[in-house]
């Protein structure tokens, strides 16, 4: 991943609402959710939701698809994985201590 793309993605995620949107969408897989349902779940106006989803989409973290009259949003899993890989491999230089902390955290959460 290029540094400029990583910075755009990190900038988009540096917002409470957008991070919550990613948390919600990541569990829905490729099917995603229709914009209307997301707006209802968050108690947010369509224009406000559009603002946040647009920021995530421009950063490459979310993709939209139209089905009939609905627009469905889903996380781009490849982009999320690419961002995480960039942080671990490029920024942290595959530091074994950082990698061990990540592995330990995953194992602890599985319990």
PDB file of N, CA and C in Angstrom:
ATOM      1  N   UNK A   1       0.850  -1.178   0.000  1.00  0.00           N
ATOM      2  CA  UNK A   1       0.000   0.000   0.000  1.00  0.00           C
ATOM      3  C   UNK A   1       0.894   1.239   0.000  1.00  0.00           C
ATOM      4  N   UNK A   2       0.501   2.198  -0.777  1.00  0.00           N
ATOM      5  CA  UNK A   2       1.244   3.451  -0.828  1.00  0.00           C
ATOM      6  C   UNK A   2       0.974   4.267   0.434  1.00  0.00           C
ATOM      7  N   UNK A   3       1.947   5.050   0.822  1.00  0.00           N
ATOM      8  CA  UNK A   3       1.820   5.857   2.029  1.00  0.00           C
ATOM      9  C   UNK A   3       0.624   6.808   1.946  1.00  0.00           C
ATOM     10  N   UNK A   4       0.407   7.416   0.782  1.00  0.00           N
ATOM     11  CA  UNK A   4      -0.703   8.369   0.655  1.00  0.00           C
ATOM     12  C   UNK A   4      -2.054   7.684   0.868  1.00  0.00           C
ATOM     13  N   UNK A   5      -2.193   6.446   0.381  1.00  0.00           N
ATOM     14  CA  UNK A   5      -3.441   5.706   0.578  1.00  0.00           C
ATOM     15  C   UNK A   5      -3.612   5.319   2.044  1.00  0.00           C
ATOM     16  N   UNK A   6      -2.515   4.924   2.684  1.00  0.00           N
ATOM     17  CA  UNK A   6      -2.573   4.567   4.106  1.00  0.00           C
ATOM     18  C   UNK A   6      -2.966   5.779   4.932  1.00  0.00           C
ATOM     19  N   UNK A   7      -2.403   6.934   4.622  1.00  0.00           N
ATOM     20  CA  UNK A   7      -2.739   8.146   5.366  1.00  0.00           C
ATOM     21  C   UNK A   7      -4.202   8.542   5.176  1.00  0.00           C
ATOM     22  N   UNK A   8      -4.704   8.390   3.959  1.00  0.00           N
ATOM     23  CA  UNK A   8      -6.113   8.700   3.699  1.00  0.00           C
ATOM     24  C   UNK A   8      -7.023   7.760   4.486  1.00  0.00           C
ATOM     25  N   UNK A   9      -6.664   6.476   4.528  1.00  0.00           N
ATOM     26  CA  UNK A   9      -7.465   5.497   5.267  1.00  0.00           C
ATOM     27  C   UNK A   9      -7.423   5.775   6.766  1.00  0.00           C
ATOM     28  N   UNK A  10      -6.251   6.044   7.286  1.00  0.00           N
ATOM     29  CA  UNK A  10      -6.127   6.337   8.715  1.00  0.00           C
ATOM     30  C   UNK A  10      -6.872   7.615   9.083  1.00  0.00           C
ATOM     31  N   UNK A  11      -6.813   8.601   8.212  1.00  0.00           N
ATOM     32  CA  UNK A  11      -7.533   9.852   8.446  1.00  0.00           C
ATOM     33  C   UNK A  11      -9.044   9.614   8.481  1.00  0.00           C
ATOM     34  N   UNK A  12      -9.523   8.782   7.564  1.00  0.00           N
ATOM     35  CA  UNK A  12     -10.961   8.473   7.531  1.00  0.00           C
ATOM     36  C   UNK A  12     -11.393   7.726   8.786  1.00  0.00           C
ATOM     37  N   UNK A  13     -10.527   6.874   9.299  1.00  0.00           N
ATOM     38  CA  UNK A  13     -10.859   6.092  10.492  1.00  0.00           C
ATOM     39  C   UNK A  13     -10.721   6.891  11.788  1.00  0.00           C
ATOM     40  N   UNK A  14     -10.088   8.045  11.713  1.00  0.00           N
ATOM     41  CA  UNK A  14      -9.856   8.862  12.905  1.00  0.00           C
ATOM     42  C   UNK A  14     -11.085   9.704  13.245  1.00  0.00           C
ATOM     43  N   UNK A  15     -12.233   9.062  13.213  1.00  0.00           N
ATOM     44  CA  UNK A  15     -13.504   9.711  13.513  1.00  0.00           C
ATOM     45  C   UNK A  15     -14.390   8.674  14.178  1.00  0.00           C
ATOM     46  N   UNK A  16     -15.000   9.033  15.277  1.00  0.00           N
ATOM     47  CA  UNK A  16     -15.800   8.087  16.064  1.00  0.00           C
ATOM     48  C   UNK A  16     -16.930   7.453  15.252  1.00  0.00           C
ATOM     49  N   UNK A  17     -17.633   8.249  14.487  1.00  0.00           N
ATOM     50  CA  UNK A  17     -18.762   7.733  13.704  1.00  0.00           C
ATOM     51  C   UNK A  17     -18.286   6.789  12.610  1.00  0.00           C
ATOM     52  N   UNK A  18     -17.230   7.179  11.908  1.00  0.00           N
ATOM     53  CA  UNK A  18     -16.743   6.333  10.815  1.00  0.00           C
ATOM     54  C   UNK A  18     -16.152   5.030  11.337  1.00  0.00           C
ATOM     55  N   UNK A  19     -15.504   5.078  12.471  1.00  0.00           N
ATOM     56  CA  UNK A  19     -14.983   3.848  13.071  1.00  0.00           C
ATOM     57  C   UNK A  19     -16.144   2.938  13.481  1.00  0.00           C
ATOM     58  N   UNK A  20     -17.204   3.514  14.009  1.00  0.00           N
ATOM     59  CA  UNK A  20     -18.389   2.725  14.369  1.00  0.00           C
ATOM     60  C   UNK A  20     -19.042   2.128  13.123  1.00  0.00           C
ATOM     61  N   UNK A  21     -19.047   2.862  12.029  1.00  0.00           N
ATOM     62  CA  UNK A  21     -19.597   2.333  10.777  1.00  0.00           C
ATOM     63  C   UNK A  21     -18.792   1.125  10.300  1.00  0.00           C
ATOM     64  N   UNK A  22     -17.475   1.214  10.371  1.00  0.00           N
ATOM     65  CA  UNK A  22     -16.627   0.079   9.987  1.00  0.00           C
ATOM     66  C   UNK A  22     -16.920  -1.112  10.890  1.00  0.00           C
ATOM     67  N   UNK A  23     -17.052  -0.875  12.191  1.00  0.00           N
ATOM     68  CA  UNK A  23     -17.358  -1.967  13.129  1.00  0.00           C
ATOM     69  C   UNK A  23     -18.663  -2.654  12.753  1.00  0.00           C
ATOM     70  N   UNK A  24     -19.651  -1.874  12.374  1.00  0.00           N
ATOM     71  CA  UNK A  24     -20.939  -2.462  12.015  1.00  0.00           C
ATOM     72  C   UNK A  24     -20.853  -3.215  10.692  1.00  0.00           C
ATOM     73  N   UNK A  25     -20.221  -2.615   9.714  1.00  0.00           N
ATOM     74  CA  UNK A  25     -20.190  -3.207   8.382  1.00  0.00           C
ATOM     75  C   UNK A  25     -19.276  -4.425   8.291  1.00  0.00           C
ATOM     76  N   UNK A  26     -18.220  -4.468   9.067  1.00  0.00           N
ATOM     77  CA  UNK A  26     -17.257  -5.571   8.956  1.00  0.00           C
ATOM     78  C   UNK A  26     -17.917  -6.907   9.269  1.00  0.00           C
ATOM     79  N   UNK A  27     -18.898  -6.908  10.150  1.00  0.00           N
ATOM     80  CA  UNK A  27     -19.571  -8.155  10.526  1.00  0.00           C
ATOM     81  C   UNK A  27     -20.584  -8.605   9.476  1.00  0.00           C
ATOM     82  N   UNK A  28     -20.927  -7.742   8.533  1.00  0.00           N
ATOM     83  CA  UNK A  28     -21.942  -8.063   7.528  1.00  0.00           C
ATOM     84  C   UNK A  28     -21.361  -8.674   6.270  1.00  0.00           C
ATOM     85  N   UNK A  29     -20.035  -8.767   6.195  1.00  0.00           N
ATOM     86  CA  UNK A  29     -19.409  -9.402   5.047  1.00  0.00           C
ATOM     87  C   UNK A  29     -19.667  -8.652   3.754  1.00  0.00           C
ATOM     88  N   UNK A  30     -19.605  -9.383   2.658  1.00  0.00           N
ATOM     89  CA  UNK A  30     -19.773  -8.775   1.340  1.00  0.00           C
ATOM     90  C   UNK A  30     -21.207  -8.316   1.082  1.00  0.00           C
ATOM     91  N   UNK A  31     -22.165  -8.882   1.800  1.00  0.00           N
ATOM     92  CA  UNK A  31     -23.564  -8.480   1.611  1.00  0.00           C
ATOM     93  C   UNK A  31     -23.779  -7.033   2.027  1.00  0.00           C
ATOM     94  N   UNK A  32     -23.078  -6.614   3.064  1.00  0.00           N
ATOM     95  CA  UNK A  32     -23.208  -5.233   3.528  1.00  0.00           C
ATOM     96  C   UNK A  32     -24.585  -4.922   4.063  1.00  0.00           C
ATOM     97  N   UNK A  33     -24.885  -3.652   4.119  1.00  0.00           N
ATOM     98  CA  UNK A  33     -26.171  -3.165   4.617  1.00  0.00           C
ATOM     99  C   UNK A  33     -26.676  -2.037   3.730  1.00  0.00           C
ATOM    100  N   UNK A  34     -27.992  -1.933   3.594  1.00  0.00           N
ATOM    101  CA  UNK A  34     -28.535  -0.799   2.837  1.00  0.00           C
ATOM    102  C   UNK A  34     -28.380   0.495   3.636  1.00  0.00           C
ATOM    103  N   UNK A  35     -28.175   1.574   2.937  1.00  0.00           N
ATOM    104  CA  UNK A  35     -27.958   2.873   3.580  1.00  0.00           C
ATOM    105  C   UNK A  35     -29.088   3.224   4.542  1.00  0.00           C
ATOM    106  N   UNK A  36     -30.321   2.932   4.167  1.00  0.00           N
ATOM    107  CA  UNK A  36     -31.452   3.253   5.034  1.00  0.00           C
ATOM    108  C   UNK A  36     -31.387   2.542   6.372  1.00  0.00           C
ATOM    109  N   UNK A  37     -30.979   1.298   6.352  1.00  0.00           N
ATOM    110  CA  UNK A  37     -30.859   0.547   7.604  1.00  0.00           C
ATOM    111  C   UNK A  37     -29.725   1.099   8.468  1.00  0.00           C
ATOM    112  N   UNK A  38     -28.626   1.441   7.837  1.00  0.00           N
ATOM    113  CA  UNK A  38     -27.495   2.002   8.579  1.00  0.00           C
ATOM    114  C   UNK A  38     -27.922   3.308   9.243  1.00  0.00           C
ATOM    115  N   UNK A  39     -28.587   4.165   8.475  1.00  0.00           N
ATOM    116  CA  UNK A  39     -29.044   5.447   9.022  1.00  0.00           C
ATOM    117  C   UNK A  39     -29.971   5.224  10.210  1.00  0.00           C
ATOM    118  N   UNK A  40     -30.887   4.258  10.097  1.00  0.00           N
ATOM    119  CA  UNK A  40     -31.795   3.947  11.200  1.00  0.00           C
ATOM    120  C   UNK A  40     -31.062   3.412  12.407  1.00  0.00           C
ATOM    121  N   UNK A  41     -30.106   2.520  12.173  1.00  0.00           N
ATOM    122  CA  UNK A  41     -29.336   1.946  13.278  1.00  0.00           C
ATOM    123  C   UNK A  41     -28.559   3.009  14.040  1.00  0.00           C
ATOM    124  N   UNK A  42     -28.082   4.015  13.317  1.00  0.00           N
ATOM    125  CA  UNK A  42     -27.277   5.063  13.940  1.00  0.00           C
ATOM    126  C   UNK A  42     -28.100   6.288  14.333  1.00  0.00           C
ATOM    127  N   UNK A  43     -29.388   6.279  13.988  1.00  0.00           N
ATOM    128  CA  UNK A  43     -30.220   7.441  14.298  1.00  0.00           C
ATOM    129  C   UNK A  43     -29.676   8.703  13.640  1.00  0.00           C
ATOM    130  N   UNK A  44     -29.336   8.580  12.372  1.00  0.00           N
ATOM    131  CA  UNK A  44     -28.638   9.641  11.669  1.00  0.00           C
ATOM    132  C   UNK A  44     -29.398  10.012  10.402  1.00  0.00           C
ATOM    133  N   UNK A  45     -29.356  11.270  10.043  1.00  0.00           N
ATOM    134  CA  UNK A  45     -30.000  11.697   8.802  1.00  0.00           C
ATOM    135  C   UNK A  45     -29.250  11.107   7.612  1.00  0.00           C
ATOM    136  N   UNK A  46     -29.958  10.999   6.503  1.00  0.00           N
ATOM    137  CA  UNK A  46     -29.365  10.448   5.285  1.00  0.00           C
ATOM    138  C   UNK A  46     -28.173  11.286   4.824  1.00  0.00           C
ATOM    139  N   UNK A  47     -28.282  12.602   4.939  1.00  0.00           N
ATOM    140  CA  UNK A  47     -27.183  13.457   4.478  1.00  0.00           C
ATOM    141  C   UNK A  47     -25.945  13.314   5.364  1.00  0.00           C
ATOM    142  N   UNK A  48     -26.156  13.177   6.656  1.00  0.00           N
ATOM    143  CA  UNK A  48     -25.020  13.004   7.581  1.00  0.00           C
ATOM    144  C   UNK A  48     -24.345  11.646   7.340  1.00  0.00           C
ATOM    145  N   UNK A  49     -25.155  10.608   7.155  1.00  0.00           N
ATOM    146  CA  UNK A  49     -24.614   9.282   6.871  1.00  0.00           C
ATOM    147  C   UNK A  49     -23.829   9.306   5.562  1.00  0.00           C
ATOM    148  N   UNK A  50     -24.380   9.941   4.561  1.00  0.00           N
ATOM    149  CA  UNK A  50     -23.730  10.035   3.262  1.00  0.00           C
ATOM    150  C   UNK A  50     -22.358  10.698   3.389  1.00  0.00           C
ATOM    151  N   UNK A  51     -22.264  11.728   4.212  1.00  0.00           N
ATOM    152  CA  UNK A  51     -20.996  12.421   4.451  1.00  0.00           C
ATOM    153  C   UNK A  51     -19.939  11.448   4.974  1.00  0.00           C
ATOM    154  N   UNK A  52     -20.309  10.644   5.974  1.00  0.00           N
ATOM    155  CA  UNK A  52     -19.358   9.717   6.583  1.00  0.00           C
ATOM    156  C   UNK A  52     -19.021   8.547   5.653  1.00  0.00           C
ATOM    157  N   UNK A  53     -20.033   7.990   5.011  1.00  0.00           N
ATOM    158  CA  UNK A  53     -19.770   6.881   4.089  1.00  0.00           C
ATOM    159  C   UNK A  53     -18.933   7.332   2.898  1.00  0.00           C
ATOM    160  N   UNK A  54     -19.144   8.534   2.446  1.00  0.00           N
ATOM    161  CA  UNK A  54     -18.364   9.078   1.335  1.00  0.00           C
ATOM    162  C   UNK A  54     -16.889   9.189   1.723  1.00  0.00           C
ATOM    163  N   UNK A  55     -16.624   9.628   2.942  1.00  0.00           N
ATOM    164  CA  UNK A  55     -15.233   9.732   3.406  1.00  0.00           C
ATOM    165  C   UNK A  55     -14.571   8.357   3.434  1.00  0.00           C
ATOM    166  N   UNK A  56     -15.307   7.352   3.906  1.00  0.00           N
ATOM    167  CA  UNK A  56     -14.774   5.990   3.950  1.00  0.00           C
ATOM    168  C   UNK A  56     -14.597   5.416   2.549  1.00  0.00           C
ATOM    169  N   UNK A  57     -15.522   5.744   1.671  1.00  0.00           N
ATOM    170  CA  UNK A  57     -15.443   5.259   0.292  1.00  0.00           C
ATOM    171  C   UNK A  57     -14.268   5.902  -0.451  1.00  0.00           C
ATOM    172  N   UNK A  58     -14.081   7.205  -0.267  1.00  0.00           N
ATOM    173  CA  UNK A  58     -12.967   7.896  -0.917  1.00  0.00           C
ATOM    174  C   UNK A  58     -11.627   7.374  -0.420  1.00  0.00           C
ATOM    175  N   UNK A  59     -11.585   6.925   0.837  1.00  0.00           N
ATOM    176  CA  UNK A  59     -10.356   6.360   1.400  1.00  0.00           C
ATOM    177  C   UNK A  59     -10.151   4.914   0.957  1.00  0.00           C
ATOM    178  N   UNK A  60     -11.135   4.351   0.258  1.00  0.00           N
ATOM    179  CA  UNK A  60     -11.025   2.995  -0.261  1.00  0.00           C
ATOM    180  C   UNK A  60     -11.381   1.910   0.735  1.00  0.00           C
ATOM    181  N   UNK A  61     -11.957   2.272   1.861  1.00  0.00           N
ATOM    182  CA  UNK A  61     -12.267   1.294   2.909  1.00  0.00           C
ATOM    183  C   UNK A  61     -13.662   0.701   2.782  1.00  0.00           C
ATOM    184  N   UNK A  62     -14.543   1.399   2.094  1.00  0.00           N
ATOM    185  CA  UNK A  62     -15.935   0.967   1.947  1.00  0.00           C
ATOM    186  C   UNK A  62     -16.283   1.028   0.468  1.00  0.00           C
ATOM    187  N   UNK A  63     -17.101   0.077   0.032  1.00  0.00           N
ATOM    188  CA  UNK A  63     -17.578   0.104  -1.346  1.00  0.00           C
ATOM    189  C   UNK A  63     -19.104   0.088  -1.341  1.00  0.00           C
ATOM    190  N   UNK A  64     -19.663   0.675  -2.371  1.00  0.00           N
ATOM    191  CA  UNK A  64     -21.114   0.776  -2.501  1.00  0.00           C
ATOM    192  C   UNK A  64     -21.561   0.045  -3.756  1.00  0.00           C
ATOM    193  N   UNK A  65     -22.755  -0.530  -3.680  1.00  0.00           N
ATOM    194  CA  UNK A  65     -23.346  -1.142  -4.865  1.00  0.00           C
ATOM    195  C   UNK A  65     -24.855  -0.874  -4.833  1.00  0.00           C
ATOM    196  N   UNK A  66     -25.386  -0.669  -5.997  1.00  0.00           N
ATOM    197  CA  UNK A  66     -26.810  -0.373  -6.113  1.00  0.00           C
ATOM    198  C   UNK A  66     -27.563  -1.653  -6.458  1.00  0.00           C
ATOM    199  N   UNK A  67     -28.644  -1.885  -5.732  1.00  0.00           N
ATOM    200  CA  UNK A  67     -29.576  -2.974  -6.025  1.00  0.00           C
ATOM    201  C   UNK A  67     -30.967  -2.365  -6.041  1.00  0.00           C
ATOM    202  N   UNK A  68     -31.508  -2.265  -7.225  1.00  0.00           N
ATOM    203  CA  UNK A  68     -32.815  -1.647  -7.402  1.00  0.00           C
ATOM    204  C   UNK A  68     -32.755  -0.212  -6.884  1.00  0.00           C
ATOM    205  N   UNK A  69     -33.548   0.089  -5.868  1.00  0.00           N
ATOM    206  CA  UNK A  69     -33.591   1.455  -5.340  1.00  0.00           C
ATOM    207  C   UNK A  69     -32.681   1.650  -4.131  1.00  0.00           C
ATOM    208  N   UNK A  70     -32.016   0.600  -3.702  1.00  0.00           N
ATOM    209  CA  UNK A  70     -31.187   0.669  -2.502  1.00  0.00           C
ATOM    210  C   UNK A  70     -29.703   0.707  -2.843  1.00  0.00           C
ATOM    211  N   UNK A  71     -28.959   1.392  -2.007  1.00  0.00           N
ATOM    212  CA  UNK A  71     -27.503   1.381  -2.098  1.00  0.00           C
ATOM    213  C   UNK A  71     -26.999   0.619  -0.879  1.00  0.00           C
ATOM    214  N   UNK A  72     -26.241  -0.434  -1.139  1.00  0.00           N
ATOM    215  CA  UNK A  72     -25.677  -1.253  -0.073  1.00  0.00           C
ATOM    216  C   UNK A  72     -24.208  -0.887   0.103  1.00  0.00           C
ATOM    217  N   UNK A  73     -23.792  -0.822   1.344  1.00  0.00           N
ATOM    218  CA  UNK A  73     -22.400  -0.513   1.664  1.00  0.00           C
ATOM    219  C   UNK A  73     -21.770  -1.703   2.372  1.00  0.00           C
ATOM    220  N   UNK A  74     -20.521  -1.975   2.020  1.00  0.00           N
ATOM    221  CA  UNK A  74     -19.772  -3.051   2.668  1.00  0.00           C
ATOM    222  C   UNK A  74     -18.315  -2.625   2.790  1.00  0.00           C
ATOM    223  N   UNK A  75     -17.623  -3.253   3.719  1.00  0.00           N
ATOM    224  CA  UNK A  75     -16.205  -2.971   3.917  1.00  0.00           C
ATOM    225  C   UNK A  75     -15.405  -3.650   2.810  1.00  0.00           C
ATOM    226  N   UNK A  76     -14.410  -2.972   2.318  1.00  0.00           N
ATOM    227  CA  UNK A  76     -13.468  -3.576   1.382  1.00  0.00           C
ATOM    228  C   UNK A  76     -12.426  -4.293   2.237  1.00  0.00           C
ATOM    229  N   UNK A  77     -12.623  -5.591   2.402  1.00  0.00           N
ATOM    230  CA  UNK A  77     -11.755  -6.361   3.293  1.00  0.00           C
ATOM    231  C   UNK A  77     -10.294  -6.342   2.852  1.00  0.00           C
ATOM    232  N   UNK A  78     -10.066  -6.345   1.563  1.00  0.00           N
ATOM    233  CA  UNK A  78      -8.699  -6.273   1.052  1.00  0.00           C
ATOM    234  C   UNK A  78      -8.016  -4.971   1.438  1.00  0.00           C
ATOM    235  N   UNK A  79      -8.759  -3.879   1.377  1.00  0.00           N
ATOM    236  CA  UNK A  79      -8.191  -2.578   1.746  1.00  0.00           C
ATOM    237  C   UNK A  79      -7.901  -2.507   3.247  1.00  0.00           C
ATOM    238  N   UNK A  80      -8.813  -3.047   4.051  1.00  0.00           N
ATOM    239  CA  UNK A  80      -8.579  -3.059   5.504  1.00  0.00           C
ATOM    240  C   UNK A  80      -7.353  -3.909   5.829  1.00  0.00           C
ATOM    241  N   UNK A  81      -7.263  -5.075   5.212  1.00  0.00           N
ATOM    242  CA  UNK A  81      -6.104  -5.936   5.426  1.00  0.00           C
ATOM    243  C   UNK A  81      -4.818  -5.281   4.945  1.00  0.00           C
ATOM    244  N   UNK A  82      -4.908  -4.590   3.823  1.00  0.00           N
ATOM    245  CA  UNK A  82      -3.743  -3.887   3.291  1.00  0.00           C
ATOM    246  C   UNK A  82      -3.258  -2.793   4.227  1.00  0.00           C
ATOM    247  N   UNK A  83      -4.207  -2.095   4.842  1.00  0.00           N
ATOM    248  CA  UNK A  83      -3.850  -1.040   5.793  1.00  0.00           C
ATOM    249  C   UNK A  83      -3.150  -1.629   7.016  1.00  0.00           C
ATOM    250  N   UNK A  84      -3.710  -2.711   7.532  1.00  0.00           N
ATOM    251  CA  UNK A  84      -3.109  -3.359   8.703  1.00  0.00           C
ATOM    252  C   UNK A  84      -1.726  -3.900   8.354  1.00  0.00           C
ATOM    253  N   UNK A  85      -1.612  -4.518   7.195  1.00  0.00           N
ATOM    254  CA  UNK A  85      -0.312  -5.036   6.758  1.00  0.00           C
ATOM    255  C   UNK A  85       0.694  -3.904   6.600  1.00  0.00           C
ATOM    256  N   UNK A  86       0.242  -2.790   6.047  1.00  0.00           N
ATOM    257  CA  UNK A  86       1.124  -1.632   5.892  1.00  0.00           C
ATOM    258  C   UNK A  86       1.651  -1.178   7.252  1.00  0.00           C
ATOM    259  N   UNK A  87       0.766  -1.091   8.213  1.00  0.00           N
ATOM    260  CA  UNK A  87       1.193  -0.654   9.550  1.00  0.00           C
ATOM    261  C   UNK A  87       2.199  -1.621  10.157  1.00  0.00           C
ATOM    262  N   UNK A  88       1.913  -2.912  10.035  1.00  0.00           N
ATOM    263  CA  UNK A  88       2.801  -3.907  10.638  1.00  0.00           C
ATOM    264  C   UNK A  88       4.122  -4.047   9.892  1.00  0.00           C
ATOM    265  N   UNK A  89       4.055  -4.090   8.574  1.00  0.00           N
ATOM    266  CA  UNK A  89       5.250  -4.384   7.802  1.00  0.00           C
ATOM    267  C   UNK A  89       6.079  -3.150   7.476  1.00  0.00           C
ATOM    268  N   UNK A  90       5.435  -2.086   7.059  1.00  0.00           N
ATOM    269  CA  UNK A  90       6.178  -0.911   6.637  1.00  0.00           C
ATOM    270  C   UNK A  90       6.522  -0.012   7.819  1.00  0.00           C
ATOM    271  N   UNK A  91       5.510   0.381   8.552  1.00  0.00           N
ATOM    272  CA  UNK A  91       5.747   1.303   9.664  1.00  0.00           C
ATOM    273  C   UNK A  91       6.504   0.636  10.811  1.00  0.00           C
ATOM    274  N   UNK A  92       6.113  -0.565  11.156  1.00  0.00           N
ATOM    275  CA  UNK A  92       6.727  -1.268  12.296  1.00  0.00           C
ATOM    276  C   UNK A  92       7.881  -2.160  11.860  1.00  0.00           C
ATOM    277  N   UNK A  93       8.111  -2.241  10.558  1.00  0.00           N
ATOM    278  CA  UNK A  93       9.223  -3.021  10.005  1.00  0.00           C
ATOM    279  C   UNK A  93       9.217  -4.469  10.480  1.00  0.00           C
ATOM    280  N   UNK A  94       8.014  -5.033  10.598  1.00  0.00           N
ATOM    281  CA  UNK A  94       7.864  -6.422  11.047  1.00  0.00           C
ATOM    282  C   UNK A  94       8.569  -6.686  12.379  1.00  0.00           C
ATOM    283  N   UNK A  95       8.553  -5.690  13.237  1.00  0.00           N
ATOM    284  CA  UNK A  95       9.195  -5.826  14.547  1.00  0.00           C
ATOM    285  C   UNK A  95       8.601  -7.025  15.286  1.00  0.00           C
ATOM    286  N   UNK A  96       9.435  -7.943  15.761  1.00  0.00           N
ATOM    287  CA  UNK A  96       8.920  -9.153  16.407  1.00  0.00           C
ATOM    288  C   UNK A  96       8.136  -8.865  17.684  1.00  0.00           C
ATOM    289  N   UNK A  97       8.491  -7.799  18.389  1.00  0.00           N
ATOM    290  CA  UNK A  97       7.755  -7.462  19.615  1.00  0.00           C
ATOM    291  C   UNK A  97       6.339  -6.985  19.286  1.00  0.00           C
ATOM    292  N   UNK A  98       6.224  -6.188  18.241  1.00  0.00           N
ATOM    293  CA  UNK A  98       4.902  -5.715  17.816  1.00  0.00           C
ATOM    294  C   UNK A  98       4.067  -6.900  17.336  1.00  0.00           C
ATOM    295  N   UNK A  99       4.656  -7.750  16.512  1.00  0.00           N
ATOM    296  CA  UNK A  99       3.946  -8.934  16.018  1.00  0.00           C
ATOM    297  C   UNK A  99       3.499  -9.831  17.163  1.00  0.00           C
ATOM    298  N   UNK A 100       4.364 -10.010  18.160  1.00  0.00           N
ATOM    299  CA  UNK A 100       4.014 -10.838  19.313  1.00  0.00           C
ATOM    300  C   UNK A 100       2.847 -10.232  20.086  1.00  0.00           C
ATOM    301  N   UNK A 101       2.840  -8.918  20.208  1.00  0.00           N
ATOM    302  CA  UNK A 101       1.720  -8.254  20.904  1.00  0.00           C
ATOM    303  C   UNK A 101       0.414  -8.452  20.150  1.00  0.00           C
ATOM    304  N   UNK A 102       0.480  -8.391  18.826  1.00  0.00           N
ATOM    305  CA  UNK A 102      -0.725  -8.604  18.014  1.00  0.00           C
ATOM    306  C   UNK A 102      -1.213 -10.035  18.165  1.00  0.00           C
ATOM    307  N   UNK A 103      -0.324 -10.991  18.099  1.00  0.00           N
ATOM    308  CA  UNK A 103      -0.696 -12.404  18.236  1.00  0.00           C
ATOM    309  C   UNK A 103      -1.250 -12.674  19.623  1.00  0.00           C
ATOM    310  N   UNK A 104      -0.622 -12.089  20.642  1.00  0.00           N
ATOM    311  CA  UNK A 104      -1.084 -12.280  22.020  1.00  0.00           C
ATOM    312  C   UNK A 104      -2.488 -11.697  22.196  1.00  0.00           C
ATOM    313  N   UNK A 105      -2.724 -10.538  21.617  1.00  0.00           N
ATOM    314  CA  UNK A 105      -4.022  -9.869  21.743  1.00  0.00           C
ATOM    315  C   UNK A 105      -5.120 -10.699  21.086  1.00  0.00           C
ATOM    316  N   UNK A 106      -4.846 -11.262  19.928  1.00  0.00           N
ATOM    317  CA  UNK A 106      -5.831 -12.088  19.216  1.00  0.00           C
ATOM    318  C   UNK A 106      -6.137 -13.332  20.042  1.00  0.00           C
ATOM    319  N   UNK A 107      -5.114 -13.976  20.554  1.00  0.00           N
ATOM    320  CA  UNK A 107      -5.304 -15.184  21.361  1.00  0.00           C
ATOM    321  C   UNK A 107      -6.112 -14.880  22.614  1.00  0.00           C
ATOM    322  N   UNK A 108      -5.826 -13.767  23.277  1.00  0.00           N
ATOM    323  CA  UNK A 108      -6.542 -13.386  24.494  1.00  0.00           C
ATOM    324  C   UNK A 108      -8.011 -13.086  24.207  1.00  0.00           C
ATOM    325  N   UNK A 109      -8.310 -12.504  23.040  1.00  0.00           N
ATOM    326  CA  UNK A 109      -9.687 -12.180  22.693  1.00  0.00           C
ATOM    327  C   UNK A 109     -10.481 -13.422  22.338  1.00  0.00           C
ATOM    328  N   UNK A 110      -9.828 -14.471  21.883  1.00  0.00           N
ATOM    329  CA  UNK A 110     -10.527 -15.703  21.499  1.00  0.00           C
ATOM    330  C   UNK A 110     -11.025 -16.467  22.713  1.00  0.00           C
ATOM    331  N   UNK A 111     -10.434 -16.208  23.856  1.00  0.00           N
ATOM    332  CA  UNK A 111     -10.815 -16.954  25.069  1.00  0.00           C
ATOM    333  C   UNK A 111     -12.144 -16.556  25.600  1.00  0.00           C
TER     334      UNK A 111
END
